[in-house]
Structure formats: structure tokens, C-alpha cells
Amino acid sequence: MLVLGAKNLIKHDPYYPEDGDLIWCVFDCDSNSNEDLREAERIAEEYGYHIAFSNPCFELWYLLHFIDHGAYLKDSSIVISKLDMDGRLKGYSKSKDYYDILKPLRQHAVKRAQMLIEKHKKTGQPLLQRDSNPHTSVVSLVLYLEKRNT
């Protein structure tokens, strides 16, 4: 589990949260069970880490730059197929840099991601679980970074 891995890494490197150091764990739902996700959340809360979780995959964050999508997404291949279209990120590759393409559309993604979060909250759906599909809290990390850069 990534959050536990972060905790183990910190044993070997200096980490000063009192001076503003933050640890962000960015991960997808993948095959994590709800129990795994609850444990990741518990550890993150205990140690003051932040989580940027995407369900079903990180590419949902990219997709929200182009469209408002609130329906269930079976897996990453479905998200990538929706992303790999004309007018979006045709020829999408996980290893390619899309920053310059996505940056002008970021506020659309922020708004759409926040709407998905609110939708799950209104239904009482915990955000860090398999049933919170689609959902991405990458928006929290992006907003944090934007705030630090102003």
C-alpha cells in the first residue's frame, strides 16, 4: 500500500511537517479493496499525509478537462478510450507530457471534479472507496499547488 510505503520511506529521510513539509500519496483505485482504502485513509490521517485518490484511474483527472462525466467507469481502459479522441488527447500515452494542453482547461477540470465530490458527499458516499466511481481528489493537490505558486 502506497501510504504505508510513504510512512516507511520517512524513516530514512528528514521530514519536517512543522516547517510546512507535506506528503501527498497519489494513487488509483486499482485492485485495492475497501478495507485497503480505509486503512490507507487511517494511516494518512494518523501521520498527517494527504491523499489524491482517483477512481477508477488518474486519467479521469485528464478527462475532466474536456467533459463532464458522472457515470460509472468500469476501468482505466474505458477512461483512456474516452480521452483518446479528436479534440481531447488523441494518441494518449501515459508517458507523454500534456501540461501545456491541459493547463488552459484546468478550471473546467477543477469545477467538474469538485462537482463529483459533492455528488458523492450528498449521497453519503465515502470518497475513498470502490463505489465512489467516478471520483478524483487530485483536484485537492492541484488547488494546493496553485495556491503555493501565487
C-alpha atoms as a PDB file:
ATOM      1  CA  MET A   1       0.000   0.000   0.000  1.00  0.00           C
ATOM      2  CA  LEU A   2       1.392   3.384  -1.068  1.00  0.00           C
ATOM      3  CA  VAL A   3       0.532   5.221   2.143  1.00  0.00           C
ATOM      4  CA  LEU A   4       2.337   2.615   4.234  1.00  0.00           C
ATOM      5  CA  GLY A   5       5.278   2.831   1.818  1.00  0.00           C
ATOM      6  CA  ALA A   6       5.430   6.596   2.372  1.00  0.00           C
ATOM      7  CA  LYS A   7       5.489   6.034   6.125  1.00  0.00           C
ATOM      8  CA  ASN A   8       8.378   3.574   5.766  1.00  0.00           C
ATOM      9  CA  LEU A   9      10.339   5.951   3.498  1.00  0.00           C
ATOM     10  CA  ILE A  10      10.072   8.777   6.001  1.00  0.00           C
ATOM     11  CA  LYS A  11      12.050   6.694   8.473  1.00  0.00           C
ATOM     12  CA  HIS A  12      15.102   7.260   6.238  1.00  0.00           C
ATOM     13  CA  ASP A  13      14.709  10.909   5.219  1.00  0.00           C
ATOM     14  CA  PRO A  14      14.221  14.125   7.123  1.00  0.00           C
ATOM     15  CA  TYR A  15      10.592  15.262   7.186  1.00  0.00           C
ATOM     16  CA  TYR A  16       9.512  18.473   8.899  1.00  0.00           C
ATOM     17  CA  PRO A  17       5.722  18.929   8.823  1.00  0.00           C
ATOM     18  CA  GLU A  18       6.043  21.734  11.395  1.00  0.00           C
ATOM     19  CA  ASP A  19       8.056  23.638   8.753  1.00  0.00           C
ATOM     20  CA  GLY A  20       5.480  23.046   6.028  1.00  0.00           C
ATOM     21  CA  ASP A  21       6.633  19.710   4.582  1.00  0.00           C
ATOM     22  CA  LEU A  22       3.713  17.734   3.177  1.00  0.00           C
ATOM     23  CA  ILE A  23       3.428  14.218   1.898  1.00  0.00           C
ATOM     24  CA  TRP A  24       0.904  13.554  -0.834  1.00  0.00           C
ATOM     25  CA  CYS A  25       0.076   9.961  -1.786  1.00  0.00           C
ATOM     26  CA  VAL A  26      -1.371   9.884  -5.295  1.00  0.00           C
ATOM     27  CA  PHE A  27      -2.949   6.595  -6.328  1.00  0.00           C
ATOM     28  CA  ASP A  28      -5.757   4.915  -8.251  1.00  0.00           C
ATOM     29  CA  CYS A  29      -8.431   2.563  -7.041  1.00  0.00           C
ATOM     30  CA  ASP A  30      -6.823  -0.339  -8.932  1.00  0.00           C
ATOM     31  CA  SER A  31      -7.456  -3.628  -7.126  1.00  0.00           C
ATOM     32  CA  ASN A  32      -7.476  -2.047  -3.662  1.00  0.00           C
ATOM     33  CA  SER A  33     -10.315  -3.356  -1.525  1.00  0.00           C
ATOM     34  CA  ASN A  34     -12.462  -1.012   0.532  1.00  0.00           C
ATOM     35  CA  GLU A  35     -10.594  -2.339   3.579  1.00  0.00           C
ATOM     36  CA  ASP A  36      -7.251  -1.380   1.954  1.00  0.00           C
ATOM     37  CA  LEU A  37      -8.588   2.078   1.174  1.00  0.00           C
ATOM     38  CA  ARG A  38      -9.908   2.591   4.713  1.00  0.00           C
ATOM     39  CA  GLU A  39      -6.518   1.542   6.092  1.00  0.00           C
ATOM     40  CA  ALA A  40      -4.739   3.971   3.728  1.00  0.00           C
ATOM     41  CA  GLU A  41      -7.039   6.736   4.944  1.00  0.00           C
ATOM     42  CA  ARG A  42      -6.452   5.815   8.585  1.00  0.00           C
ATOM     43  CA  ILE A  43      -2.654   5.848   8.202  1.00  0.00           C
ATOM     44  CA  ALA A  44      -2.756   9.110   6.246  1.00  0.00           C
ATOM     45  CA  GLU A  45      -4.852  10.753   8.969  1.00  0.00           C
ATOM     46  CA  GLU A  46      -2.629   9.389  11.725  1.00  0.00           C
ATOM     47  CA  TYR A  47       0.570  10.714  10.156  1.00  0.00           C
ATOM     48  CA  GLY A  48      -0.818  13.886   8.573  1.00  0.00           C
ATOM     49  CA  TYR A  49      -0.379  12.741   4.969  1.00  0.00           C
ATOM     50  CA  HIS A  50      -2.641  13.901   2.155  1.00  0.00           C
ATOM     51  CA  ILE A  51      -4.300  11.609  -0.361  1.00  0.00           C
ATOM     52  CA  ALA A  52      -5.092  12.322  -4.001  1.00  0.00           C
ATOM     53  CA  PHE A  53      -7.210   9.314  -4.988  1.00  0.00           C
ATOM     54  CA  SER A  54      -8.705   8.609  -8.405  1.00  0.00           C
ATOM     55  CA  ASN A  55     -11.401   6.086  -9.152  1.00  0.00           C
ATOM     56  CA  PRO A  56     -11.073   4.296 -11.454  1.00  0.00           C
ATOM     57  CA  CYS A  57      -7.776   5.891 -12.578  1.00  0.00           C
ATOM     58  CA  PHE A  58      -5.670   9.042 -12.706  1.00  0.00           C
ATOM     59  CA  GLU A  59      -6.695   9.647 -16.312  1.00  0.00           C
ATOM     60  CA  LEU A  60     -10.134  10.635 -15.031  1.00  0.00           C
ATOM     61  CA  TRP A  61      -8.494  13.915 -13.935  1.00  0.00           C
ATOM     62  CA  TYR A  62      -7.340  14.461 -17.530  1.00  0.00           C
ATOM     63  CA  LEU A  63     -10.756  13.528 -18.944  1.00  0.00           C
ATOM     64  CA  LEU A  64     -12.487  16.101 -16.730  1.00  0.00           C
ATOM     65  CA  HIS A  65     -10.533  18.819 -18.549  1.00  0.00           C
ATOM     66  CA  PHE A  66     -12.639  18.034 -21.626  1.00  0.00           C
ATOM     67  CA  ILE A  67     -16.011  16.701 -20.490  1.00  0.00           C
ATOM     68  CA  ASP A  68     -18.330  16.475 -17.515  1.00  0.00           C
ATOM     69  CA  HIS A  69     -18.587  12.760 -16.786  1.00  0.00           C
ATOM     70  CA  GLY A  70     -20.546  11.479 -13.809  1.00  0.00           C
ATOM     71  CA  ALA A  71     -21.445   7.947 -14.890  1.00  0.00           C
ATOM     72  CA  TYR A  72     -19.706   4.804 -13.646  1.00  0.00           C
ATOM     73  CA  LEU A  73     -16.465   3.943 -15.446  1.00  0.00           C
ATOM     74  CA  LYS A  74     -15.586   0.234 -15.449  1.00  0.00           C
ATOM     75  CA  ASP A  75     -11.807   0.610 -15.610  1.00  0.00           C
ATOM     76  CA  SER A  76      -8.883   2.643 -16.915  1.00  0.00           C
ATOM     77  CA  SER A  77      -9.235   1.332 -20.466  1.00  0.00           C
ATOM     78  CA  ILE A  78     -12.698   2.916 -20.697  1.00  0.00           C
ATOM     79  CA  VAL A  79     -11.389   6.248 -19.393  1.00  0.00           C
ATOM     80  CA  ILE A  80      -8.437   6.166 -21.784  1.00  0.00           C
ATOM     81  CA  SER A  81     -10.726   5.367 -24.735  1.00  0.00           C
ATOM     82  CA  LYS A  82     -12.809   8.453 -23.863  1.00  0.00           C
ATOM     83  CA  LEU A  83      -9.645  10.501 -23.539  1.00  0.00           C
ATOM     84  CA  ASP A  84      -8.053   9.219 -26.763  1.00  0.00           C
ATOM     85  CA  MET A  85     -10.385  11.085 -29.141  1.00  0.00           C
ATOM     86  CA  ASP A  86     -10.146  14.003 -31.514  1.00  0.00           C
ATOM     87  CA  GLY A  87     -10.401  17.261 -29.623  1.00  0.00           C
ATOM     88  CA  ARG A  88      -9.099  15.619 -26.458  1.00  0.00           C
ATOM     89  CA  LEU A  89      -5.776  13.768 -26.115  1.00  0.00           C
ATOM     90  CA  LYS A  90      -5.723  11.795 -29.352  1.00  0.00           C
ATOM     91  CA  GLY A  91      -2.974   9.180 -29.265  1.00  0.00           C
ATOM     92  CA  TYR A  92      -2.855   9.335 -25.463  1.00  0.00           C
ATOM     93  CA  SER A  93       0.214   7.813 -23.825  1.00  0.00           C
ATOM     94  CA  LYS A  94       0.865   7.565 -20.080  1.00  0.00           C
ATOM     95  CA  SER A  95       4.446   8.716 -20.600  1.00  0.00           C
ATOM     96  CA  LYS A  96       3.687  11.874 -22.620  1.00  0.00           C
ATOM     97  CA  ASP A  97       3.667  15.373 -21.118  1.00  0.00           C
ATOM     98  CA  TYR A  98       0.231  17.030 -21.535  1.00  0.00           C
ATOM     99  CA  TYR A  99       0.742  20.012 -19.243  1.00  0.00           C
ATOM    100  CA  ASP A 100       0.580  22.690 -21.945  1.00  0.00           C
ATOM    101  CA  ILE A 101      -2.585  21.197 -23.451  1.00  0.00           C
ATOM    102  CA  LEU A 102      -4.361  20.755 -20.118  1.00  0.00           C
ATOM    103  CA  LYS A 103      -3.329  23.962 -18.354  1.00  0.00           C
ATOM    104  CA  PRO A 104      -5.799  26.273 -20.175  1.00  0.00           C
ATOM    105  CA  LEU A 105      -8.610  23.808 -19.384  1.00  0.00           C
ATOM    106  CA  ARG A 106      -7.694  23.234 -15.736  1.00  0.00           C
ATOM    107  CA  GLN A 107     -10.519  25.321 -14.244  1.00  0.00           C
ATOM    108  CA  HIS A 108     -13.052  23.144 -16.081  1.00  0.00           C
ATOM    109  CA  ALA A 109     -11.475  20.033 -14.537  1.00  0.00           C
ATOM    110  CA  VAL A 110     -11.410  21.650 -11.089  1.00  0.00           C
ATOM    111  CA  LYS A 111     -15.110  22.503 -11.271  1.00  0.00           C
ATOM    112  CA  ARG A 112     -16.086  19.076 -12.603  1.00  0.00           C
ATOM    113  CA  ALA A 113     -14.002  17.184 -10.036  1.00  0.00           C
ATOM    114  CA  GLN A 114     -15.489  19.268  -7.229  1.00  0.00           C
ATOM    115  CA  MET A 115     -18.983  18.533  -8.548  1.00  0.00           C
ATOM    116  CA  LEU A 116     -18.253  14.779  -8.460  1.00  0.00           C
ATOM    117  CA  ILE A 117     -17.011  15.089  -4.878  1.00  0.00           C
ATOM    118  CA  GLU A 118     -20.161  16.982  -3.874  1.00  0.00           C
ATOM    119  CA  LYS A 119     -22.350  14.405  -5.621  1.00  0.00           C
ATOM    120  CA  HIS A 120     -20.815  11.588  -3.569  1.00  0.00           C
ATOM    121  CA  LYS A 121     -20.979  13.611  -0.345  1.00  0.00           C
ATOM    122  CA  LYS A 122     -24.695  14.342  -0.875  1.00  0.00           C
ATOM    123  CA  THR A 123     -25.424  10.626  -1.170  1.00  0.00           C
ATOM    124  CA  GLY A 124     -23.356   9.922   1.931  1.00  0.00           C
ATOM    125  CA  GLN A 125     -20.862   8.003  -0.154  1.00  0.00           C
ATOM    126  CA  PRO A 126     -17.372   7.875   1.399  1.00  0.00           C
ATOM    127  CA  LEU A 127     -14.900   9.224  -1.114  1.00  0.00           C
ATOM    128  CA  LEU A 128     -12.115   6.731  -0.527  1.00  0.00           C
ATOM    129  CA  GLN A 129     -13.847   3.529  -1.565  1.00  0.00           C
ATOM    130  CA  ARG A 130     -14.507   1.459  -4.654  1.00  0.00           C
ATOM    131  CA  ASP A 131     -18.106   2.700  -5.009  1.00  0.00           C
ATOM    132  CA  SER A 132     -17.056   6.353  -5.366  1.00  0.00           C
ATOM    133  CA  ASN A 133     -16.742   5.898  -9.112  1.00  0.00           C
ATOM    134  CA  PRO A 134     -16.095   8.257 -10.822  1.00  0.00           C
ATOM    135  CA  HIS A 135     -14.163  10.463  -8.442  1.00  0.00           C
ATOM    136  CA  THR A 136     -10.793  12.152  -8.222  1.00  0.00           C
ATOM    137  CA  SER A 137      -9.344  14.144  -5.377  1.00  0.00           C
ATOM    138  CA  VAL A 138      -6.327  15.080  -7.500  1.00  0.00           C
ATOM    139  CA  VAL A 139      -8.164  18.407  -7.585  1.00  0.00           C
ATOM    140  CA  SER A 140      -7.122  18.952  -3.943  1.00  0.00           C
ATOM    141  CA  LEU A 141      -3.452  18.559  -4.816  1.00  0.00           C
ATOM    142  CA  VAL A 142      -3.780  20.822  -7.863  1.00  0.00           C
ATOM    143  CA  LEU A 143      -5.517  23.547  -5.843  1.00  0.00           C
ATOM    144  CA  TYR A 144      -2.858  23.274  -3.132  1.00  0.00           C
ATOM    145  CA  LEU A 145      -0.072  23.672  -5.717  1.00  0.00           C
ATOM    146  CA  GLU A 146      -1.849  26.601  -7.396  1.00  0.00           C
ATOM    147  CA  LYS A 147      -2.180  28.330  -4.037  1.00  0.00           C
ATOM    148  CA  ARG A 148       1.541  27.812  -3.276  1.00  0.00           C
ATOM    149  CA  ASN A 149       2.514  29.284  -6.657  1.00  0.00           C
ATOM    150  CA  THR A 150       0.602  32.555  -6.228  1.00  0.00           C
END
